[in-house]
Amino acid sequence: MWNAILQRFQGVSAALQAVELDLCNAVDLVRSLREYVAGLRDQFDNFETAAKNMSPTEQTLNEREKERARLMIHLSLSASCQAIVASVHQSLSV
């Protein structure tokens, strides 16, 4: 994604630094780069979708959070159950 954009800028930059560059070509290069960037703005949704595909999705993160919450509830219930069993055991042994 970024590679194509940076290569385009690098190409225009190199062409603008050429010793034998005339003004008409320089204007055309800058205009072309400006139109390229404007076209990229129109493709924002495509870039956003590609970025989401490259990174963990919100659903995956939510599933991890839910699993973590389930584990915490399980551990909490486990501790509560152990306390109840100990209490019942103590009351029965008296």
C-alpha atoms as a PDB file:
ATOM      1  CA  MET A   1       0.000   0.000   0.000  1.00  0.00           C
ATOM      2  CA  TRP A   2       2.549   2.568   1.151  1.00  0.00           C
ATOM      3  CA  ASN A   3       5.158   1.089  -1.154  1.00  0.00           C
ATOM      4  CA  ALA A   4       3.314   2.133  -4.319  1.00  0.00           C
ATOM      5  CA  ILE A   5       2.719   5.654  -2.997  1.00  0.00           C
ATOM      6  CA  LEU A   6       6.324   6.143  -1.903  1.00  0.00           C
ATOM      7  CA  GLN A   7       7.667   4.773  -5.185  1.00  0.00           C
ATOM      8  CA  ARG A   8       5.510   7.243  -7.097  1.00  0.00           C
ATOM      9  CA  PHE A   9       6.775  10.175  -5.015  1.00  0.00           C
ATOM     10  CA  GLN A  10      10.367   8.974  -5.342  1.00  0.00           C
ATOM     11  CA  GLY A  11      10.015   8.691  -9.116  1.00  0.00           C
ATOM     12  CA  VAL A  12       8.615  12.198  -9.449  1.00  0.00           C
ATOM     13  CA  SER A  13      11.250  13.566  -7.078  1.00  0.00           C
ATOM     14  CA  ALA A  14      14.058  11.979  -9.096  1.00  0.00           C
ATOM     15  CA  ALA A  15      12.588  13.277 -12.358  1.00  0.00           C
ATOM     16  CA  LEU A  16      12.274  16.803 -10.927  1.00  0.00           C
ATOM     17  CA  GLN A  17      15.947  16.744  -9.927  1.00  0.00           C
ATOM     18  CA  ALA A  18      17.127  15.824 -13.417  1.00  0.00           C
ATOM     19  CA  VAL A  19      19.653  18.283 -14.830  1.00  0.00           C
ATOM     20  CA  GLU A  20      17.963  18.597 -18.222  1.00  0.00           C
ATOM     21  CA  LEU A  21      14.384  18.969 -16.953  1.00  0.00           C
ATOM     22  CA  ASP A  22      12.370  21.694 -18.667  1.00  0.00           C
ATOM     23  CA  LEU A  23       9.600  23.697 -17.029  1.00  0.00           C
ATOM     24  CA  CYS A  24       6.763  22.080 -19.029  1.00  0.00           C
ATOM     25  CA  ASN A  25       7.791  18.591 -17.954  1.00  0.00           C
ATOM     26  CA  ALA A  26       8.170  19.733 -14.337  1.00  0.00           C
ATOM     27  CA  VAL A  27       4.645  21.146 -14.366  1.00  0.00           C
ATOM     28  CA  ASP A  28       3.320  17.932 -15.915  1.00  0.00           C
ATOM     29  CA  LEU A  29       5.087  15.814 -13.278  1.00  0.00           C
ATOM     30  CA  VAL A  30       3.710  17.860 -10.389  1.00  0.00           C
ATOM     31  CA  ARG A  31       0.230  17.907 -11.922  1.00  0.00           C
ATOM     32  CA  SER A  32       0.371  14.146 -12.420  1.00  0.00           C
ATOM     33  CA  LEU A  33       1.426  13.610  -8.802  1.00  0.00           C
ATOM     34  CA  ARG A  34      -1.349  15.899  -7.578  1.00  0.00           C
ATOM     35  CA  GLU A  35      -3.939  13.939  -9.585  1.00  0.00           C
ATOM     36  CA  TYR A  36      -2.498  10.669  -8.267  1.00  0.00           C
ATOM     37  CA  VAL A  37      -2.890  11.847  -4.660  1.00  0.00           C
ATOM     38  CA  ALA A  38      -6.416  13.097  -5.377  1.00  0.00           C
ATOM     39  CA  GLY A  39      -7.251   9.655  -6.769  1.00  0.00           C
ATOM     40  CA  LEU A  40      -5.886   8.045  -3.611  1.00  0.00           C
ATOM     41  CA  ARG A  41      -8.224  10.161  -1.512  1.00  0.00           C
ATOM     42  CA  ASP A  42     -11.135   8.732  -3.459  1.00  0.00           C
ATOM     43  CA  GLN A  43      -9.876   5.227  -2.640  1.00  0.00           C
ATOM     44  CA  PHE A  44      -9.802   5.757   1.136  1.00  0.00           C
ATOM     45  CA  ASP A  45     -12.393   3.038   1.748  1.00  0.00           C
ATOM     46  CA  ASN A  46     -10.279   0.548  -0.212  1.00  0.00           C
ATOM     47  CA  PHE A  47      -7.167   1.409   1.816  1.00  0.00           C
ATOM     48  CA  GLU A  48      -9.111   1.136   5.062  1.00  0.00           C
ATOM     49  CA  THR A  49     -10.457  -2.288   4.089  1.00  0.00           C
ATOM     50  CA  ALA A  50      -6.975  -3.484   3.106  1.00  0.00           C
ATOM     51  CA  ALA A  51      -5.544  -2.257   6.411  1.00  0.00           C
ATOM     52  CA  LYS A  52      -8.261  -4.037   8.374  1.00  0.00           C
ATOM     53  CA  ASN A  53      -7.536  -7.236   6.457  1.00  0.00           C
ATOM     54  CA  MET A  54      -3.850  -6.958   7.354  1.00  0.00           C
ATOM     55  CA  SER A  55      -4.443  -6.500  11.086  1.00  0.00           C
ATOM     56  CA  PRO A  56      -6.439  -8.430  13.683  1.00  0.00           C
ATOM     57  CA  THR A  57     -10.089  -7.677  13.239  1.00  0.00           C
ATOM     58  CA  GLU A  58     -12.249  -6.068  15.877  1.00  0.00           C
ATOM     59  CA  GLN A  59     -14.190  -9.312  16.082  1.00  0.00           C
ATOM     60  CA  THR A  60     -11.024 -11.241  16.931  1.00  0.00           C
ATOM     61  CA  LEU A  61     -10.128  -8.694  19.588  1.00  0.00           C
ATOM     62  CA  ASN A  62     -13.644  -8.829  21.018  1.00  0.00           C
ATOM     63  CA  GLU A  63     -13.479 -12.632  21.133  1.00  0.00           C
ATOM     64  CA  ARG A  64     -10.210 -12.430  23.065  1.00  0.00           C
ATOM     65  CA  GLU A  65     -11.746  -9.975  25.520  1.00  0.00           C
ATOM     66  CA  LYS A  66     -14.787 -12.225  25.967  1.00  0.00           C
ATOM     67  CA  GLU A  67     -12.562 -15.247  26.575  1.00  0.00           C
ATOM     68  CA  ARG A  68     -10.564 -13.282  29.125  1.00  0.00           C
ATOM     69  CA  ALA A  69     -13.802 -12.216  30.859  1.00  0.00           C
ATOM     70  CA  ARG A  70     -15.037 -15.834  30.894  1.00  0.00           C
ATOM     71  CA  LEU A  71     -11.779 -16.944  32.475  1.00  0.00           C
ATOM     72  CA  MET A  72     -12.001 -14.239  35.139  1.00  0.00           C
ATOM     73  CA  ILE A  73     -15.603 -15.232  35.931  1.00  0.00           C
ATOM     74  CA  HIS A  74     -14.574 -18.888  36.097  1.00  0.00           C
ATOM     75  CA  LEU A  75     -11.707 -18.083  38.458  1.00  0.00           C
ATOM     76  CA  SER A  76     -13.970 -15.900  40.577  1.00  0.00           C
ATOM     77  CA  LEU A  77     -16.663 -18.599  40.745  1.00  0.00           C
ATOM     78  CA  SER A  78     -14.013 -21.185  41.535  1.00  0.00           C
ATOM     79  CA  ALA A  79     -12.808 -19.132  44.492  1.00  0.00           C
ATOM     80  CA  SER A  80     -16.403 -18.549  45.636  1.00  0.00           C
ATOM     81  CA  CYS A  81     -17.206 -22.252  45.362  1.00  0.00           C
ATOM     82  CA  GLN A  82     -14.127 -23.156  47.352  1.00  0.00           C
ATOM     83  CA  ALA A  83     -15.123 -20.685  50.064  1.00  0.00           C
ATOM     84  CA  ILE A  84     -18.648 -22.134  50.200  1.00  0.00           C
ATOM     85  CA  VAL A  85     -17.352 -25.703  50.362  1.00  0.00           C
ATOM     86  CA  ALA A  86     -14.940 -24.736  53.138  1.00  0.00           C
ATOM     87  CA  SER A  87     -17.751 -23.000  55.026  1.00  0.00           C
ATOM     88  CA  VAL A  88     -20.087 -25.996  54.679  1.00  0.00           C
ATOM     89  CA  HIS A  89     -17.291 -28.374  55.641  1.00  0.00           C
ATOM     90  CA  GLN A  90     -16.510 -26.292  58.712  1.00  0.00           C
ATOM     91  CA  SER A  91     -20.160 -26.096  59.779  1.00  0.00           C
ATOM     92  CA  LEU A  92     -20.609 -29.854  59.334  1.00  0.00           C
ATOM     93  CA  SER A  93     -17.502 -30.731  61.278  1.00  0.00           C
ATOM     94  CA  VAL A  94     -18.617 -28.838  64.382  1.00  0.00           C
END
